[in-house]
Structures are given as C-alpha cells and as structure tokens.
Amino acid sequence: MIRFLFVRIIFPLLVFWLVRSALKSLFAAFQPSGIRQNRTQQPPPVSAGGELKKDPVCGTYVSTTASITRSVKGEVLHFCSKECRDKYRVA
C-alpha cells in the first residue's frame, strides 16, 4: 500500500515540481531585463494638490508636478508615463 502511494502519487508530484521549478528559473533567465526591472521599480512620488491635466494618449488625469511634459508647437502636453509619451511620438 505504501509502495503504491509512493510510486503512483508522491513520486510523480515530486518530479512535476522539480521540472516546473527548473523551467521557471530557465525562462526567468531569458526574460528581457526591462521586464524584470519594471517589477521592482517604484512609482514616482506624487504630491497632494495642484492642477490636473489630461494625458492626450490614454485620457488619465495627472498632476502637473508629477507629469512628464513635452512641448509640441508651443503647447505643453502632460503625460502620465514615458510609455504614453512615446506612443504620442509615434502617432
């Protein structure tokens, strides 16, 4: 009975766990560094109060003190992130 339990249940679970752990660490090693870096990156501190401006790409309202700005044809645009700023450059 104990042999059946070990051979049919415990051993396959142990092998599955080891293979899963090995594959997980293998794929993490090949993950681009930018993705790993974004997980540990803290959002910028946002001060309370101030004027809010609408991001022209995603529509998010962002504080003028915490926004990323870009001047286009004399008009200052406020973006919530570098990604939105880069998307606006492409468009």
PDB file of N, CA and C in Angstrom:
ATOM      1  N   MET A   1       0.817  -1.200   0.000  1.00  0.00           N
ATOM      2  CA  MET A   1       0.000   0.000   0.000  1.00  0.00           C
ATOM      3  C   MET A   1       0.862   1.266   0.000  1.00  0.00           C
ATOM      4  N   ILE A   2       1.890   1.285   0.859  1.00  0.00           N
ATOM      5  CA  ILE A   2       2.768   2.445   0.915  1.00  0.00           C
ATOM      6  C   ILE A   2       3.550   2.567  -0.395  1.00  0.00           C
ATOM      7  N   ARG A   3       3.967   1.448  -0.939  1.00  0.00           N
ATOM      8  CA  ARG A   3       4.690   1.460  -2.206  1.00  0.00           C
ATOM      9  C   ARG A   3       3.800   2.015  -3.332  1.00  0.00           C
ATOM     10  N   PHE A   4       2.548   1.626  -3.348  1.00  0.00           N
ATOM     11  CA  PHE A   4       1.599   2.134  -4.337  1.00  0.00           C
ATOM     12  C   PHE A   4       1.452   3.647  -4.200  1.00  0.00           C
ATOM     13  N   LEU A   5       1.305   4.119  -2.965  1.00  0.00           N
ATOM     14  CA  LEU A   5       1.158   5.550  -2.704  1.00  0.00           C
ATOM     15  C   LEU A   5       2.380   6.321  -3.195  1.00  0.00           C
ATOM     16  N   PHE A   6       3.559   5.795  -2.916  1.00  0.00           N
ATOM     17  CA  PHE A   6       4.782   6.475  -3.320  1.00  0.00           C
ATOM     18  C   PHE A   6       4.962   6.463  -4.836  1.00  0.00           C
ATOM     19  N   VAL A   7       4.780   5.298  -5.453  1.00  0.00           N
ATOM     20  CA  VAL A   7       5.034   5.148  -6.889  1.00  0.00           C
ATOM     21  C   VAL A   7       3.978   5.862  -7.720  1.00  0.00           C
ATOM     22  N   ARG A   8       2.738   5.834  -7.339  1.00  0.00           N
ATOM     23  CA  ARG A   8       1.653   6.382  -8.151  1.00  0.00           C
ATOM     24  C   ARG A   8       1.330   7.852  -7.870  1.00  0.00           C
ATOM     25  N   ILE A   9       1.637   8.334  -6.669  1.00  0.00           N
ATOM     26  CA  ILE A   9       1.216   9.695  -6.322  1.00  0.00           C
ATOM     27  C   ILE A   9       2.401  10.595  -5.945  1.00  0.00           C
ATOM     28  N   ILE A  10       3.158  10.233  -4.953  1.00  0.00           N
ATOM     29  CA  ILE A  10       4.195  11.123  -4.421  1.00  0.00           C
ATOM     30  C   ILE A  10       5.338  11.322  -5.416  1.00  0.00           C
ATOM     31  N   PHE A  11       5.836  10.254  -6.007  1.00  0.00           N
ATOM     32  CA  PHE A  11       6.944  10.366  -6.957  1.00  0.00           C
ATOM     33  C   PHE A  11       6.574  11.218  -8.182  1.00  0.00           C
ATOM     34  N   PRO A  12       5.425  11.011  -8.824  1.00  0.00           N
ATOM     35  CA  PRO A  12       5.075  11.900  -9.959  1.00  0.00           C
ATOM     36  C   PRO A  12       4.914  13.363  -9.553  1.00  0.00           C
ATOM     37  N   LEU A  13       4.367  13.614  -8.370  1.00  0.00           N
ATOM     38  CA  LEU A  13       4.246  15.001  -7.910  1.00  0.00           C
ATOM     39  C   LEU A  13       5.616  15.632  -7.667  1.00  0.00           C
ATOM     40  N   LEU A  14       6.524  14.861  -7.114  1.00  0.00           N
ATOM     41  CA  LEU A  14       7.875  15.348  -6.879  1.00  0.00           C
ATOM     42  C   LEU A  14       8.582  15.657  -8.198  1.00  0.00           C
ATOM     43  N   VAL A  15       8.459  14.788  -9.171  1.00  0.00           N
ATOM     44  CA  VAL A  15       9.059  15.010 -10.487  1.00  0.00           C
ATOM     45  C   VAL A  15       8.432  16.239 -11.158  1.00  0.00           C
ATOM     46  N   PHE A  16       7.121  16.365 -11.088  1.00  0.00           N
ATOM     47  CA  PHE A  16       6.433  17.520 -11.666  1.00  0.00           C
ATOM     48  C   PHE A  16       6.934  18.812 -11.042  1.00  0.00           C
ATOM     49  N   TRP A  17       7.074  18.839  -9.730  1.00  0.00           N
ATOM     50  CA  TRP A  17       7.526  20.039  -9.027  1.00  0.00           C
ATOM     51  C   TRP A  17       8.954  20.406  -9.431  1.00  0.00           C
ATOM     52  N   LEU A  18       9.831  19.423  -9.533  1.00  0.00           N
ATOM     53  CA  LEU A  18      11.216  19.682  -9.924  1.00  0.00           C
ATOM     54  C   LEU A  18      11.310  20.208 -11.353  1.00  0.00           C
ATOM     55  N   VAL A  19      10.569  19.610 -12.272  1.00  0.00           N
ATOM     56  CA  VAL A  19      10.578  20.064 -13.669  1.00  0.00           C
ATOM     57  C   VAL A  19      10.006  21.468 -13.769  1.00  0.00           C
ATOM     58  N   ARG A  20       8.931  21.743 -13.044  1.00  0.00           N
ATOM     59  CA  ARG A  20       8.317  23.072 -13.053  1.00  0.00           C
ATOM     60  C   ARG A  20       9.290  24.120 -12.526  1.00  0.00           C
ATOM     61  N   SER A  21       9.978  23.823 -11.441  1.00  0.00           N
ATOM     62  CA  SER A  21      10.944  24.766 -10.868  1.00  0.00           C
ATOM     63  C   SER A  21      12.103  25.026 -11.827  1.00  0.00           C
ATOM     64  N   ALA A  22      12.582  23.976 -12.468  1.00  0.00           N
ATOM     65  CA  ALA A  22      13.694  24.134 -13.414  1.00  0.00           C
ATOM     66  C   ALA A  22      13.274  24.981 -14.610  1.00  0.00           C
ATOM     67  N   LEU A  23      12.103  24.730 -15.153  1.00  0.00           N
ATOM     68  CA  LEU A  23      11.626  25.501 -16.298  1.00  0.00           C
ATOM     69  C   LEU A  23      11.363  26.955 -15.932  1.00  0.00           C
ATOM     70  N   LYS A  24      10.821  27.176 -14.751  1.00  0.00           N
ATOM     71  CA  LYS A  24      10.528  28.535 -14.305  1.00  0.00           C
ATOM     72  C   LYS A  24      11.817  29.351 -14.186  1.00  0.00           C
ATOM     73  N   SER A  25      12.847  28.779 -13.597  1.00  0.00           N
ATOM     74  CA  SER A  25      14.111  29.509 -13.464  1.00  0.00           C
ATOM     75  C   SER A  25      14.806  29.664 -14.809  1.00  0.00           C
ATOM     76  N   LEU A  26      14.653  28.703 -15.687  1.00  0.00           N
ATOM     77  CA  LEU A  26      15.253  28.792 -17.013  1.00  0.00           C
ATOM     78  C   LEU A  26      14.626  29.926 -17.818  1.00  0.00           C
ATOM     79  N   PHE A  27      13.301  30.019 -17.807  1.00  0.00           N
ATOM     80  CA  PHE A  27      12.631  31.081 -18.546  1.00  0.00           C
ATOM     81  C   PHE A  27      12.872  32.446 -17.912  1.00  0.00           C
ATOM     82  N   ALA A  28      13.039  32.512 -16.614  1.00  0.00           N
ATOM     83  CA  ALA A  28      13.321  33.787 -15.952  1.00  0.00           C
ATOM     84  C   ALA A  28      14.693  34.309 -16.356  1.00  0.00           C
ATOM     85  N   ALA A  29      15.619  33.411 -16.642  1.00  0.00           N
ATOM     86  CA  ALA A  29      16.960  33.837 -17.048  1.00  0.00           C
ATOM     87  C   ALA A  29      16.940  34.474 -18.433  1.00  0.00           C
ATOM     88  N   PHE A  30      16.025  34.067 -19.305  1.00  0.00           N
ATOM     89  CA  PHE A  30      15.959  34.601 -20.656  1.00  0.00           C
ATOM     90  C   PHE A  30      14.982  35.763 -20.799  1.00  0.00           C
ATOM     91  N   GLN A  31      14.360  36.168 -19.711  1.00  0.00           N
ATOM     92  CA  GLN A  31      13.415  37.273 -19.750  1.00  0.00           C
ATOM     93  C   GLN A  31      14.177  38.578 -19.958  1.00  0.00           C
ATOM     94  N   PRO A  32      13.681  39.465 -20.808  1.00  0.00           N
ATOM     95  CA  PRO A  32      14.379  40.739 -21.029  1.00  0.00           C
ATOM     96  C   PRO A  32      14.552  41.504 -19.730  1.00  0.00           C
ATOM     97  N   SER A  33      15.664  42.186 -19.591  1.00  0.00           N
ATOM     98  CA  SER A  33      15.971  42.881 -18.340  1.00  0.00           C
ATOM     99  C   SER A  33      14.985  43.996 -18.044  1.00  0.00           C
ATOM    100  N   GLY A  34      14.396  44.609 -19.062  1.00  0.00           N
ATOM    101  CA  GLY A  34      13.425  45.686 -18.847  1.00  0.00           C
ATOM    102  C   GLY A  34      12.189  45.207 -18.120  1.00  0.00           C
ATOM    103  N   ILE A  35      11.761  43.992 -18.404  1.00  0.00           N
ATOM    104  CA  ILE A  35      10.574  43.449 -17.751  1.00  0.00           C
ATOM    105  C   ILE A  35      10.873  43.176 -16.286  1.00  0.00           C
ATOM    106  N   ARG A  36      12.026  42.595 -16.003  1.00  0.00           N
ATOM    107  CA  ARG A  36      12.383  42.323 -14.612  1.00  0.00           C
ATOM    108  C   ARG A  36      12.569  43.621 -13.848  1.00  0.00           C
ATOM    109  N   GLN A  37      13.104  44.636 -14.487  1.00  0.00           N
ATOM    110  CA  GLN A  37      13.351  45.899 -13.823  1.00  0.00           C
ATOM    111  C   GLN A  37      12.048  46.604 -13.471  1.00  0.00           C
ATOM    112  N   ASN A  38      11.046  46.533 -14.330  1.00  0.00           N
ATOM    113  CA  ASN A  38       9.775  47.218 -14.076  1.00  0.00           C
ATOM    114  C   ASN A  38       9.058  46.663 -12.860  1.00  0.00           C
ATOM    115  N   ARG A  39       9.263  45.421 -12.531  1.00  0.00           N
ATOM    116  CA  ARG A  39       8.595  44.836 -11.361  1.00  0.00           C
ATOM    117  C   ARG A  39       9.093  45.450 -10.072  1.00  0.00           C
ATOM    118  N   THR A  40      10.376  45.801 -10.005  1.00  0.00           N
ATOM    119  CA  THR A  40      10.939  46.332  -8.779  1.00  0.00           C
ATOM    120  C   THR A  40      10.922  47.853  -8.742  1.00  0.00           C
ATOM    121  N   GLN A  41      10.606  48.495  -9.837  1.00  0.00           N
ATOM    122  CA  GLN A  41      10.628  49.941  -9.914  1.00  0.00           C
ATOM    123  C   GLN A  41       9.424  50.537  -9.192  1.00  0.00           C
ATOM    124  N   GLN A  42       9.677  51.501  -8.333  1.00  0.00           N
ATOM    125  CA  GLN A  42       8.618  52.160  -7.573  1.00  0.00           C
ATOM    126  C   GLN A  42       8.062  53.316  -8.391  1.00  0.00           C
ATOM    127  N   PRO A  43       6.745  53.572  -8.288  1.00  0.00           N
ATOM    128  CA  PRO A  43       6.181  54.717  -8.993  1.00  0.00           C
ATOM    129  C   PRO A  43       6.714  56.015  -8.402  1.00  0.00           C
ATOM    130  N   PRO A  44       6.771  57.074  -9.206  1.00  0.00           N
ATOM    131  CA  PRO A  44       7.289  58.343  -8.691  1.00  0.00           C
ATOM    132  C   PRO A  44       6.357  58.904  -7.619  1.00  0.00           C
ATOM    133  N   PRO A  45       6.909  59.571  -6.625  1.00  0.00           N
ATOM    134  CA  PRO A  45       6.055  60.156  -5.581  1.00  0.00           C
ATOM    135  C   PRO A  45       5.207  61.273  -6.160  1.00  0.00           C
ATOM    136  N   VAL A  46       3.970  61.310  -5.724  1.00  0.00           N
ATOM    137  CA  VAL A  46       3.032  62.317  -6.215  1.00  0.00           C
ATOM    138  C   VAL A  46       2.658  63.213  -5.042  1.00  0.00           C
ATOM    139  N   SER A  47       2.838  64.516  -5.240  1.00  0.00           N
ATOM    140  CA  SER A  47       2.478  65.448  -4.186  1.00  0.00           C
ATOM    141  C   SER A  47       0.975  65.707  -4.219  1.00  0.00           C
ATOM    142  N   ALA A  48       0.421  65.967  -3.075  1.00  0.00           N
ATOM    143  CA  ALA A  48      -1.016  66.219  -2.977  1.00  0.00           C
ATOM    144  C   ALA A  48      -1.330  67.606  -3.511  1.00  0.00           C
ATOM    145  N   GLY A  49      -2.478  67.724  -4.138  1.00  0.00           N
ATOM    146  CA  GLY A  49      -2.922  69.014  -4.631  1.00  0.00           C
ATOM    147  C   GLY A  49      -2.302  69.358  -5.969  1.00  0.00           C
ATOM    148  N   GLY A  50      -2.605  70.552  -6.434  1.00  0.00           N
ATOM    149  CA  GLY A  50      -2.050  71.002  -7.703  1.00  0.00           C
ATOM    150  C   GLY A  50      -3.049  70.841  -8.833  1.00  0.00           C
ATOM    151  N   GLU A  51      -2.654  71.311  -9.990  1.00  0.00           N
ATOM    152  CA  GLU A  51      -3.514  71.280 -11.166  1.00  0.00           C
ATOM    153  C   GLU A  51      -3.409  69.926 -11.858  1.00  0.00           C
ATOM    154  N   LEU A  52      -4.531  69.438 -12.386  1.00  0.00           N
ATOM    155  CA  LEU A  52      -4.551  68.181 -13.123  1.00  0.00           C
ATOM    156  C   LEU A  52      -4.702  68.461 -14.610  1.00  0.00           C
ATOM    157  N   LYS A  53      -3.962  67.710 -15.403  1.00  0.00           N
ATOM    158  CA  LYS A  53      -4.043  67.808 -16.859  1.00  0.00           C
ATOM    159  C   LYS A  53      -4.363  66.419 -17.404  1.00  0.00           C
ATOM    160  N   LYS A  54      -5.047  66.388 -18.536  1.00  0.00           N
ATOM    161  CA  LYS A  54      -5.446  65.124 -19.144  1.00  0.00           C
ATOM    162  C   LYS A  54      -4.360  64.641 -20.108  1.00  0.00           C
ATOM    163  N   ASP A  55      -3.963  63.388 -19.952  1.00  0.00           N
ATOM    164  CA  ASP A  55      -2.997  62.763 -20.855  1.00  0.00           C
ATOM    165  C   ASP A  55      -3.665  62.611 -22.226  1.00  0.00           C
ATOM    166  N   PRO A  56      -3.054  63.131 -23.310  1.00  0.00           N
ATOM    167  CA  PRO A  56      -3.690  63.048 -24.629  1.00  0.00           C
ATOM    168  C   PRO A  56      -3.737  61.644 -25.218  1.00  0.00           C
ATOM    169  N   VAL A  57      -2.973  60.700 -24.673  1.00  0.00           N
ATOM    170  CA  VAL A  57      -2.940  59.347 -25.217  1.00  0.00           C
ATOM    171  C   VAL A  57      -3.969  58.454 -24.541  1.00  0.00           C
ATOM    172  N   CYS A  58      -3.888  58.333 -23.210  1.00  0.00           N
ATOM    173  CA  CYS A  58      -4.766  57.389 -22.509  1.00  0.00           C
ATOM    174  C   CYS A  58      -5.935  58.064 -21.792  1.00  0.00           C
ATOM    175  N   GLY A  59      -5.896  59.385 -21.646  1.00  0.00           N
ATOM    176  CA  GLY A  59      -7.004  60.084 -21.017  1.00  0.00           C
ATOM    177  C   GLY A  59      -6.930  60.150 -19.507  1.00  0.00           C
ATOM    178  N   THR A  60      -5.852  59.699 -18.917  1.00  0.00           N
ATOM    179  CA  THR A  60      -5.686  59.739 -17.477  1.00  0.00           C
ATOM    180  C   THR A  60      -5.382  61.168 -17.033  1.00  0.00           C
ATOM    181  N   TYR A  61      -5.960  61.587 -15.927  1.00  0.00           N
ATOM    182  CA  TYR A  61      -5.650  62.897 -15.379  1.00  0.00           C
ATOM    183  C   TYR A  61      -4.434  62.754 -14.483  1.00  0.00           C
ATOM    184  N   VAL A  62      -3.460  63.618 -14.712  1.00  0.00           N
ATOM    185  CA  VAL A  62      -2.195  63.549 -13.987  1.00  0.00           C
ATOM    186  C   VAL A  62      -1.846  64.930 -13.446  1.00  0.00           C
ATOM    187  N   SER A  63      -1.241  64.938 -12.268  1.00  0.00           N
ATOM    188  CA  SER A  63      -0.829  66.194 -11.650  1.00  0.00           C
ATOM    189  C   SER A  63       0.280  66.830 -12.474  1.00  0.00           C
ATOM    190  N   THR A  64       0.248  68.133 -12.587  1.00  0.00           N
ATOM    191  CA  THR A  64       1.269  68.831 -13.377  1.00  0.00           C
ATOM    192  C   THR A  64       2.647  68.688 -12.750  1.00  0.00           C
ATOM    193  N   THR A  65       2.713  68.498 -11.440  1.00  0.00           N
ATOM    194  CA  THR A  65       4.014  68.345 -10.781  1.00  0.00           C
ATOM    195  C   THR A  65       4.611  66.959 -10.996  1.00  0.00           C
ATOM    196  N   ALA A  66       3.769  65.945 -11.220  1.00  0.00           N
ATOM    197  CA  ALA A  66       4.260  64.575 -11.384  1.00  0.00           C
ATOM    198  C   ALA A  66       4.253  64.122 -12.837  1.00  0.00           C
ATOM    199  N   SER A  67       3.806  64.959 -13.742  1.00  0.00           N
ATOM    200  CA  SER A  67       3.665  64.545 -15.139  1.00  0.00           C
ATOM    201  C   SER A  67       4.984  64.627 -15.886  1.00  0.00           C
ATOM    202  N   ILE A  68       5.023  63.943 -16.999  1.00  0.00           N
ATOM    203  CA  ILE A  68       6.136  64.027 -17.937  1.00  0.00           C
ATOM    204  C   ILE A  68       5.663  64.968 -19.036  1.00  0.00           C
ATOM    205  N   THR A  69       6.405  66.034 -19.245  1.00  0.00           N
ATOM    206  CA  THR A  69       5.941  67.071 -20.180  1.00  0.00           C
ATOM    207  C   THR A  69       6.703  67.005 -21.495  1.00  0.00           C
ATOM    208  N   ARG A  70       6.041  67.520 -22.517  1.00  0.00           N
ATOM    209  CA  ARG A  70       6.634  67.641 -23.849  1.00  0.00           C
ATOM    210  C   ARG A  70       5.993  68.844 -24.526  1.00  0.00           C
ATOM    211  N   SER A  71       6.808  69.653 -25.139  1.00  0.00           N
ATOM    212  CA  SER A  71       6.300  70.832 -25.827  1.00  0.00           C
ATOM    213  C   SER A  71       6.125  70.520 -27.306  1.00  0.00           C
ATOM    214  N   VAL A  72       4.899  70.726 -27.815  1.00  0.00           N
ATOM    215  CA  VAL A  72       4.588  70.480 -29.216  1.00  0.00           C
ATOM    216  C   VAL A  72       3.950  71.745 -29.776  1.00  0.00           C
ATOM    217  N   LYS A  73       4.616  72.370 -30.734  1.00  0.00           N
ATOM    218  CA  LYS A  73       4.131  73.586 -31.393  1.00  0.00           C
ATOM    219  C   LYS A  73       3.768  74.679 -30.386  1.00  0.00           C
ATOM    220  N   GLY A  74       4.603  74.838 -29.365  1.00  0.00           N
ATOM    221  CA  GLY A  74       4.392  75.867 -28.367  1.00  0.00           C
ATOM    222  C   GLY A  74       3.424  75.477 -27.262  1.00  0.00           C
ATOM    223  N   GLU A  75       2.780  74.327 -27.364  1.00  0.00           N
ATOM    224  CA  GLU A  75       1.832  73.868 -26.345  1.00  0.00           C
ATOM    225  C   GLU A  75       2.504  72.798 -25.489  1.00  0.00           C
ATOM    226  N   VAL A  76       2.373  72.906 -24.179  1.00  0.00           N
ATOM    227  CA  VAL A  76       2.960  71.938 -23.263  1.00  0.00           C
ATOM    228  C   VAL A  76       1.948  70.818 -23.017  1.00  0.00           C
ATOM    229  N   LEU A  77       2.350  69.607 -23.343  1.00  0.00           N
ATOM    230  CA  LEU A  77       1.497  68.439 -23.119  1.00  0.00           C
ATOM    231  C   LEU A  77       1.996  67.686 -21.900  1.00  0.00           C
ATOM    232  N   HIS A  78       1.061  67.137 -21.129  1.00  0.00           N
ATOM    233  CA  HIS A  78       1.395  66.398 -19.906  1.00  0.00           C
ATOM    234  C   HIS A  78       1.029  64.931 -20.106  1.00  0.00           C
ATOM    235  N   PHE A  79       1.983  64.046 -19.805  1.00  0.00           N
ATOM    236  CA  PHE A  79       1.787  62.604 -19.960  1.00  0.00           C
ATOM    237  C   PHE A  79       1.915  61.923 -18.610  1.00  0.00           C
ATOM    238  N   CYS A  80       1.182  60.809 -18.450  1.00  0.00           N
ATOM    239  CA  CYS A  80       1.222  60.076 -17.184  1.00  0.00           C
ATOM    240  C   CYS A  80       2.441  59.163 -17.087  1.00  0.00           C
ATOM    241  N   SER A  81       3.010  58.768 -18.228  1.00  0.00           N
ATOM    242  CA  SER A  81       4.155  57.856 -18.208  1.00  0.00           C
ATOM    243  C   SER A  81       5.003  58.048 -19.452  1.00  0.00           C
ATOM    244  N   LYS A  82       6.180  57.452 -19.428  1.00  0.00           N
ATOM    245  CA  LYS A  82       7.069  57.509 -20.590  1.00  0.00           C
ATOM    246  C   LYS A  82       6.471  56.729 -21.757  1.00  0.00           C
ATOM    247  N   GLU A  83       5.729  55.669 -21.445  1.00  0.00           N
ATOM    248  CA  GLU A  83       5.104  54.870 -22.493  1.00  0.00           C
ATOM    249  C   GLU A  83       4.092  55.699 -23.279  1.00  0.00           C
ATOM    250  N   CYS A  84       3.270  56.487 -22.580  1.00  0.00           N
ATOM    251  CA  CYS A  84       2.292  57.335 -23.262  1.00  0.00           C
ATOM    252  C   CYS A  84       2.994  58.417 -24.077  1.00  0.00           C
ATOM    253  N   ARG A  85       4.071  58.969 -23.528  1.00  0.00           N
ATOM    254  CA  ARG A  85       4.835  59.976 -24.280  1.00  0.00           C
ATOM    255  C   ARG A  85       5.392  59.378 -25.566  1.00  0.00           C
ATOM    256  N   ASP A  86       5.929  58.160 -25.479  1.00  0.00           N
ATOM    257  CA  ASP A  86       6.492  57.503 -26.662  1.00  0.00           C
ATOM    258  C   ASP A  86       5.405  57.145 -27.677  1.00  0.00           C
ATOM    259  N   LYS A  87       4.231  56.754 -27.191  1.00  0.00           N
ATOM    260  CA  LYS A  87       3.118  56.462 -28.110  1.00  0.00           C
ATOM    261  C   LYS A  87       2.695  57.728 -28.850  1.00  0.00           C
ATOM    262  N   TYR A  88       2.728  58.864 -28.165  1.00  0.00           N
ATOM    263  CA  TYR A  88       2.343  60.124 -28.796  1.00  0.00           C
ATOM    264  C   TYR A  88       3.361  60.512 -29.864  1.00  0.00           C
ATOM    265  N   ARG A  89       4.625  60.206 -29.634  1.00  0.00           N
ATOM    266  CA  ARG A  89       5.664  60.493 -30.626  1.00  0.00           C
ATOM    267  C   ARG A  89       5.426  59.721 -31.907  1.00  0.00           C
ATOM    268  N   VAL A  90       4.997  58.473 -31.768  1.00  0.00           N
ATOM    269  CA  VAL A  90       4.759  57.597 -32.932  1.00  0.00           C
ATOM    270  C   VAL A  90       3.564  58.086 -33.731  1.00  0.00           C
ATOM    271  N   ALA A  91       2.532  58.511 -33.029  1.00  0.00           N
ATOM    272  CA  ALA A  91       1.292  58.919 -33.708  1.00  0.00           C
ATOM    273  C   ALA A  91       1.434  60.203 -34.471  1.00  0.00           C
TER     274      ALA A  91
END
